[in-house]
């Protein structure tokens, strides 16, 4: 019965993706997200001047790139490296407000998509929504730098484990598995936080889990298939020339946005099958 209900919810979520503005919203999220990345990095570079270093920031960026298709990572890496190397404190301070504002637009796009998927109205005034988006940028930046410490000290901790209990070469794969497992957990927690606090209604954690897990698993599968396609079949440079890397990056962002919205639609479909037309409002 549970499996049948879940399949029915998947079907309803897929139909909702086709019959609503979900695909158009995914394009909006992809474009806004690509624009928001670099202002976010400007903020990250300014923040790193107080609580981190350039090396820590790049270590966390490199760890994040491990989960991206190589073509996407190769397109973003040089620009991100250039942004993080810009250490002009005065310039970063003057542009910090603008960077925060532009970076928050990415969260605004996610909020619109979540409200549309969960069929909820937005009761908060615009300034409160914008303040929450800017807060999400600040919290995301701090969390990013904290995670960078784990990336930096990860090899040191691993060498300590090997010194205490030496492992055979066949067991070294456990380190890579641990890194990817931590990355997956971080993605799940980040998605849960977005689904919880961005929409006009604060949803229950249990109601969010199915869609978040579906988005995470599908994203890992799609990222792997995307890499295989580009390595063996994709000849996008012949079509787009020097813009090929940018087009592929934007396409990957679009597919990621589609999966993000699908997760929300799946949660909404499961709630409707339980007789709940709107997500329950709970204290934040």
Foldseek 3Di string as FASTA:
>chain_A
DVVVLLVVLLVQLVVCCVPDCLLVLLLVLLVLQVQLVLLLLLLLLLVCVPVHALVLLVLLVVLVCVLFQPLLCVVVVVVSNVSSVPNPNVVSVVCNVVSLQSNLVSLVSLQVLLCVLQVHDAPDDPVVLSVVSSVVSVVVSVVSSVVSVCSVCVVVVVVVVCVVPNDDPVPPVVSVVVSVVVVLVVQLVVLLVSSQPRYNAGFDSVLLNQLSVQLSVVLSVVRVVLNVCCVPPDPQCVVVPPCSSVVSNSVNSSVSSSSSSSSSNSSSSSCVVVVHNGGDHDDD
